[in-house]
């Protein structure tokens, strides 16, 4: 899945986003490009669950 997170502005934000995703699936593959604000995730966890967790942690994403 690909998500855009508009308020992800730095490496610290990227680490927080990765940590949130890894809490749901420690084996998830997460690639982040802070410059384009895109997150690409390979996981068995449903997209809605990922979106809810990121939103709760202050990084509301939009599916792209």
PDB file of N, CA and C in Angstrom:
ATOM      1  N   UNK A   1       0.843  -1.181   0.000  1.00  0.00           N
ATOM      2  CA  UNK A   1       0.000   0.000   0.000  1.00  0.00           C
ATOM      3  C   UNK A   1       0.883   1.237   0.000  1.00  0.00           C
ATOM      4  N   UNK A   2       0.370   2.308  -0.573  1.00  0.00           N
ATOM      5  CA  UNK A   2       1.079   3.586  -0.573  1.00  0.00           C
ATOM      6  C   UNK A   2       0.217   4.618   0.136  1.00  0.00           C
ATOM      7  N   UNK A   3       0.862   5.376   1.007  1.00  0.00           N
ATOM      8  CA  UNK A   3       0.179   6.426   1.749  1.00  0.00           C
ATOM      9  C   UNK A   3       0.961   7.726   1.636  1.00  0.00           C
ATOM     10  N   UNK A   4       0.243   8.847   1.673  1.00  0.00           N
ATOM     11  CA  UNK A   4       0.876  10.176   1.728  1.00  0.00           C
ATOM     12  C   UNK A   4       0.553  10.756   3.099  1.00  0.00           C
ATOM     13  N   UNK A   5       1.613  11.245   3.779  1.00  0.00           N
ATOM     14  CA  UNK A   5       1.436  11.846   5.102  1.00  0.00           C
ATOM     15  C   UNK A   5       1.968  13.273   5.027  1.00  0.00           C
ATOM     16  N   UNK A   6       1.045  14.217   4.902  1.00  0.00           N
ATOM     17  CA  UNK A   6       1.415  15.615   4.668  1.00  0.00           C
ATOM     18  C   UNK A   6       2.252  16.220   5.794  1.00  0.00           C
ATOM     19  N   UNK A   7       2.006  15.834   7.051  1.00  0.00           N
ATOM     20  CA  UNK A   7       2.741  16.474   8.146  1.00  0.00           C
ATOM     21  C   UNK A   7       3.994  15.696   8.558  1.00  0.00           C
ATOM     22  N   UNK A   8       4.471  14.787   7.710  1.00  0.00           N
ATOM     23  CA  UNK A   8       5.735  14.087   7.937  1.00  0.00           C
ATOM     24  C   UNK A   8       6.837  14.933   7.299  1.00  0.00           C
ATOM     25  N   UNK A   9       7.600  15.627   8.137  1.00  0.00           N
ATOM     26  CA  UNK A   9       8.524  16.629   7.610  1.00  0.00           C
ATOM     27  C   UNK A   9       9.996  16.343   7.865  1.00  0.00           C
ATOM     28  N   UNK A  10      10.305  15.293   8.652  1.00  0.00           N
ATOM     29  CA  UNK A  10      11.720  15.074   8.981  1.00  0.00           C
ATOM     30  C   UNK A  10      11.981  13.596   9.267  1.00  0.00           C
ATOM     31  N   UNK A  11      13.227  13.275   9.498  1.00  0.00           N
ATOM     32  CA  UNK A  11      13.610  11.914   9.816  1.00  0.00           C
ATOM     33  C   UNK A  11      12.974  11.414  11.098  1.00  0.00           C
ATOM     34  N   UNK A  12      12.795  12.299  12.061  1.00  0.00           N
ATOM     35  CA  UNK A  12      12.142  11.916  13.309  1.00  0.00           C
ATOM     36  C   UNK A  12      10.706  11.494  13.069  1.00  0.00           C
ATOM     37  N   UNK A  13      10.023  12.226  12.212  1.00  0.00           N
ATOM     38  CA  UNK A  13       8.653  11.862  11.842  1.00  0.00           C
ATOM     39  C   UNK A  13       8.647  10.493  11.165  1.00  0.00           C
ATOM     40  N   UNK A  14       9.584  10.284  10.261  1.00  0.00           N
ATOM     41  CA  UNK A  14       9.668   9.010   9.538  1.00  0.00           C
ATOM     42  C   UNK A  14       9.908   7.855  10.507  1.00  0.00           C
ATOM     43  N   UNK A  15      10.755   8.057  11.507  1.00  0.00           N
ATOM     44  CA  UNK A  15      11.011   7.011  12.502  1.00  0.00           C
ATOM     45  C   UNK A  15       9.753   6.715  13.309  1.00  0.00           C
ATOM     46  N   UNK A  16       8.995   7.752  13.650  1.00  0.00           N
ATOM     47  CA  UNK A  16       7.745   7.558  14.397  1.00  0.00           C
ATOM     48  C   UNK A  16       6.726   6.787  13.570  1.00  0.00           C
ATOM     49  N   UNK A  17       6.616   7.126  12.291  1.00  0.00           N
ATOM     50  CA  UNK A  17       5.684   6.443  11.395  1.00  0.00           C
ATOM     51  C   UNK A  17       6.085   4.967  11.276  1.00  0.00           C
ATOM     52  N   UNK A  18       7.376   4.714  11.086  1.00  0.00           N
ATOM     53  CA  UNK A  18       7.860   3.333  10.982  1.00  0.00           C
ATOM     54  C   UNK A  18       7.561   2.566  12.263  1.00  0.00           C
ATOM     55  N   UNK A  19       7.799   3.179  13.411  1.00  0.00           N
ATOM     56  CA  UNK A  19       7.557   2.514  14.695  1.00  0.00           C
ATOM     57  C   UNK A  19       6.083   2.155  14.861  1.00  0.00           C
ATOM     58  N   UNK A  20       5.197   3.049  14.465  1.00  0.00           N
ATOM     59  CA  UNK A  20       3.759   2.792  14.562  1.00  0.00           C
ATOM     60  C   UNK A  20       3.377   1.589  13.706  1.00  0.00           C
ATOM     61  N   UNK A  21       3.890   1.530  12.500  1.00  0.00           N
ATOM     62  CA  UNK A  21       3.580   0.421  11.599  1.00  0.00           C
ATOM     63  C   UNK A  21       4.161  -0.885  12.145  1.00  0.00           C
ATOM     64  N   UNK A  22       5.384  -0.832  12.655  1.00  0.00           N
ATOM     65  CA  UNK A  22       6.042  -2.034  13.182  1.00  0.00           C
ATOM     66  C   UNK A  22       5.348  -2.555  14.446  1.00  0.00           C
ATOM     67  N   UNK A  23       4.654  -1.684  15.181  1.00  0.00           N
ATOM     68  CA  UNK A  23       3.875  -2.141  16.337  1.00  0.00           C
ATOM     69  C   UNK A  23       2.736  -3.054  15.888  1.00  0.00           C
ATOM     70  N   UNK A  24       2.195  -2.798  14.705  1.00  0.00           N
ATOM     71  CA  UNK A  24       1.103  -3.608  14.170  1.00  0.00           C
ATOM     72  C   UNK A  24       1.617  -4.870  13.491  1.00  0.00           C
ATOM     73  N   UNK A  25       2.791  -4.773  12.863  1.00  0.00           N
ATOM     74  CA  UNK A  25       3.390  -5.909  12.151  1.00  0.00           C
ATOM     75  C   UNK A  25       4.903  -5.731  12.158  1.00  0.00           C
ATOM     76  N   UNK A  26       5.555  -6.462  13.058  1.00  0.00           N
ATOM     77  CA  UNK A  26       7.007  -6.295  13.201  1.00  0.00           C
ATOM     78  C   UNK A  26       7.771  -6.718  11.953  1.00  0.00           C
ATOM     79  N   UNK A  27       7.128  -7.477  11.055  1.00  0.00           N
ATOM     80  CA  UNK A  27       7.787  -7.935   9.838  1.00  0.00           C
ATOM     81  C   UNK A  27       7.433  -7.081   8.617  1.00  0.00           C
ATOM     82  N   UNK A  28       6.696  -6.017   8.826  1.00  0.00           N
ATOM     83  CA  UNK A  28       6.300  -5.150   7.710  1.00  0.00           C
ATOM     84  C   UNK A  28       7.540  -4.540   7.063  1.00  0.00           C
ATOM     85  N   UNK A  29       7.464  -4.366   5.744  1.00  0.00           N
ATOM     86  CA  UNK A  29       8.524  -3.648   5.026  1.00  0.00           C
ATOM     87  C   UNK A  29       8.016  -2.224   4.823  1.00  0.00           C
ATOM     88  N   UNK A  30       8.783  -1.260   5.297  1.00  0.00           N
ATOM     89  CA  UNK A  30       8.367   0.140   5.253  1.00  0.00           C
ATOM     90  C   UNK A  30       9.444   0.945   4.533  1.00  0.00           C
ATOM     91  N   UNK A  31       9.052   1.630   3.470  1.00  0.00           N
ATOM     92  CA  UNK A  31       9.955   2.542   2.761  1.00  0.00           C
ATOM     93  C   UNK A  31       9.338   3.927   2.804  1.00  0.00           C
ATOM     94  N   UNK A  32      10.154   4.894   3.233  1.00  0.00           N
ATOM     95  CA  UNK A  32       9.647   6.258   3.395  1.00  0.00           C
ATOM     96  C   UNK A  32      10.511   7.232   2.609  1.00  0.00           C
ATOM     97  N   UNK A  33       9.850   8.134   1.895  1.00  0.00           N
ATOM     98  CA  UNK A  33      10.524   9.244   1.221  1.00  0.00           C
ATOM     99  C   UNK A  33       9.962  10.530   1.830  1.00  0.00           C
ATOM    100  N   UNK A  34      10.731  11.114   2.746  1.00  0.00           N
ATOM    101  CA  UNK A  34      10.256  12.308   3.451  1.00  0.00           C
ATOM    102  C   UNK A  34      10.034  13.463   2.474  1.00  0.00           C
ATOM    103  N   UNK A  35      10.880  13.584   1.464  1.00  0.00           N
ATOM    104  CA  UNK A  35      10.761  14.701   0.513  1.00  0.00           C
ATOM    105  C   UNK A  35       9.412  14.702  -0.204  1.00  0.00           C
ATOM    106  N   UNK A  36       8.921  13.523  -0.566  1.00  0.00           N
ATOM    107  CA  UNK A  36       7.634  13.444  -1.272  1.00  0.00           C
ATOM    108  C   UNK A  36       6.482  13.099  -0.330  1.00  0.00           C
ATOM    109  N   UNK A  37       6.825  12.835   0.952  1.00  0.00           N
ATOM    110  CA  UNK A  37       5.843  12.505   1.990  1.00  0.00           C
ATOM    111  C   UNK A  37       5.119  11.192   1.713  1.00  0.00           C
ATOM    112  N   UNK A  38       5.800  10.277   0.988  1.00  0.00           N
ATOM    113  CA  UNK A  38       5.196   9.001   0.636  1.00  0.00           C
ATOM    114  C   UNK A  38       5.742   7.871   1.496  1.00  0.00           C
ATOM    115  N   UNK A  39       4.846   6.960   1.864  1.00  0.00           N
ATOM    116  CA  UNK A  39       5.198   5.764   2.629  1.00  0.00           C
ATOM    117  C   UNK A  39       4.688   4.566   1.842  1.00  0.00           C
ATOM    118  N   UNK A  40       5.577   3.620   1.573  1.00  0.00           N
ATOM    119  CA  UNK A  40       5.182   2.389   0.907  1.00  0.00           C
ATOM    120  C   UNK A  40       5.337   1.258   1.917  1.00  0.00           C
ATOM    121  N   UNK A  41       4.270   0.477   2.079  1.00  0.00           N
ATOM    122  CA  UNK A  41       4.232  -0.546   3.121  1.00  0.00           C
ATOM    123  C   UNK A  41       3.841  -1.884   2.522  1.00  0.00           C
ATOM    124  N   UNK A  42       4.595  -2.921   2.875  1.00  0.00           N
ATOM    125  CA  UNK A  42       4.206  -4.288   2.554  1.00  0.00           C
ATOM    126  C   UNK A  42       3.904  -4.977   3.874  1.00  0.00           C
ATOM    127  N   UNK A  43       2.644  -5.355   4.074  1.00  0.00           N
ATOM    128  CA  UNK A  43       2.203  -5.958   5.328  1.00  0.00           C
ATOM    129  C   UNK A  43       0.928  -6.738   5.093  1.00  0.00           C
ATOM    130  N   UNK A  44       0.631  -7.642   6.023  1.00  0.00           N
ATOM    131  CA  UNK A  44      -0.624  -8.364   5.972  1.00  0.00           C
ATOM    132  C   UNK A  44      -1.733  -7.644   6.718  1.00  0.00           C
ATOM    133  N   UNK A  45      -1.380  -6.551   7.386  1.00  0.00           N
ATOM    134  CA  UNK A  45      -2.356  -5.779   8.162  1.00  0.00           C
ATOM    135  C   UNK A  45      -3.221  -4.961   7.195  1.00  0.00           C
ATOM    136  N   UNK A  46      -4.524  -4.912   7.468  1.00  0.00           N
ATOM    137  CA  UNK A  46      -5.453  -4.178   6.604  1.00  0.00           C
ATOM    138  C   UNK A  46      -5.130  -2.680   6.610  1.00  0.00           C
ATOM    139  N   UNK A  47      -5.276  -2.063   5.454  1.00  0.00           N
ATOM    140  CA  UNK A  47      -4.967  -0.637   5.293  1.00  0.00           C
ATOM    141  C   UNK A  47      -5.705   0.233   6.295  1.00  0.00           C
ATOM    142  N   UNK A  48      -6.973  -0.065   6.566  1.00  0.00           N
ATOM    143  CA  UNK A  48      -7.751   0.753   7.504  1.00  0.00           C
ATOM    144  C   UNK A  48      -7.128   0.746   8.901  1.00  0.00           C
ATOM    145  N   UNK A  49      -6.562  -0.393   9.290  1.00  0.00           N
ATOM    146  CA  UNK A  49      -5.929  -0.504  10.601  1.00  0.00           C
ATOM    147  C   UNK A  49      -4.657   0.351  10.665  1.00  0.00           C
ATOM    148  N   UNK A  50      -3.885   0.336   9.588  1.00  0.00           N
ATOM    149  CA  UNK A  50      -2.670   1.160   9.511  1.00  0.00           C
ATOM    150  C   UNK A  50      -3.048   2.642   9.570  1.00  0.00           C
ATOM    151  N   UNK A  51      -4.046   3.035   8.782  1.00  0.00           N
ATOM    152  CA  UNK A  51      -4.482   4.435   8.741  1.00  0.00           C
ATOM    153  C   UNK A  51      -4.966   4.880  10.118  1.00  0.00           C
ATOM    154  N   UNK A  52      -5.744   4.052  10.794  1.00  0.00           N
ATOM    155  CA  UNK A  52      -6.257   4.409  12.122  1.00  0.00           C
ATOM    156  C   UNK A  52      -5.113   4.598  13.115  1.00  0.00           C
ATOM    157  N   UNK A  53      -4.126   3.699  13.101  1.00  0.00           N
ATOM    158  CA  UNK A  53      -3.008   3.789  14.036  1.00  0.00           C
ATOM    159  C   UNK A  53      -2.161   5.027  13.766  1.00  0.00           C
ATOM    160  N   UNK A  54      -1.881   5.319  12.499  1.00  0.00           N
ATOM    161  CA  UNK A  54      -1.084   6.507  12.163  1.00  0.00           C
ATOM    162  C   UNK A  54      -1.835   7.786  12.520  1.00  0.00           C
ATOM    163  N   UNK A  55      -3.136   7.817  12.279  1.00  0.00           N
ATOM    164  CA  UNK A  55      -3.944   8.985  12.615  1.00  0.00           C
ATOM    165  C   UNK A  55      -3.924   9.219  14.126  1.00  0.00           C
ATOM    166  N   UNK A  56      -4.071   8.138  14.887  1.00  0.00           N
ATOM    167  CA  UNK A  56      -4.050   8.235  16.348  1.00  0.00           C
ATOM    168  C   UNK A  56      -2.707   8.773  16.854  1.00  0.00           C
ATOM    169  N   UNK A  57      -1.629   8.445  16.147  1.00  0.00           N
ATOM    170  CA  UNK A  57      -0.297   8.907  16.549  1.00  0.00           C
ATOM    171  C   UNK A  57       0.070  10.277  15.975  1.00  0.00           C
ATOM    172  N   UNK A  58      -0.891  10.931  15.317  1.00  0.00           N
ATOM    173  CA  UNK A  58      -0.652  12.297  14.856  1.00  0.00           C
ATOM    174  C   UNK A  58      -0.139  12.417  13.441  1.00  0.00           C
ATOM    175  N   UNK A  59      -0.186  11.321  12.673  1.00  0.00           N
ATOM    176  CA  UNK A  59       0.273  11.340  11.288  1.00  0.00           C
ATOM    177  C   UNK A  59      -0.825  10.826  10.362  1.00  0.00           C
ATOM    178  N   UNK A  60      -1.912  11.595  10.210  1.00  0.00           N
ATOM    179  CA  UNK A  60      -3.029  11.112   9.381  1.00  0.00           C
ATOM    180  C   UNK A  60      -2.619  10.966   7.920  1.00  0.00           C
ATOM    181  N   UNK A  61      -2.721   9.739   7.390  1.00  0.00           N
ATOM    182  CA  UNK A  61      -2.332   9.511   6.005  1.00  0.00           C
ATOM    183  C   UNK A  61      -3.531   9.523   5.056  1.00  0.00           C
ATOM    184  N   UNK A  62      -3.207   9.648   3.766  1.00  0.00           N
ATOM    185  CA  UNK A  62      -4.191   9.537   2.703  1.00  0.00           C
ATOM    186  C   UNK A  62      -3.679   8.457   1.764  1.00  0.00           C
ATOM    187  N   UNK A  63      -4.521   7.511   1.395  1.00  0.00           N
ATOM    188  CA  UNK A  63      -4.125   6.468   0.444  1.00  0.00           C
ATOM    189  C   UNK A  63      -3.906   7.082  -0.932  1.00  0.00           C
ATOM    190  N   UNK A  64      -2.854   6.622  -1.609  1.00  0.00           N
ATOM    191  CA  UNK A  64      -2.571   7.093  -2.969  1.00  0.00           C
ATOM    192  C   UNK A  64      -2.489   5.928  -3.927  1.00  0.00           C
TER     193      UNK A  64
END
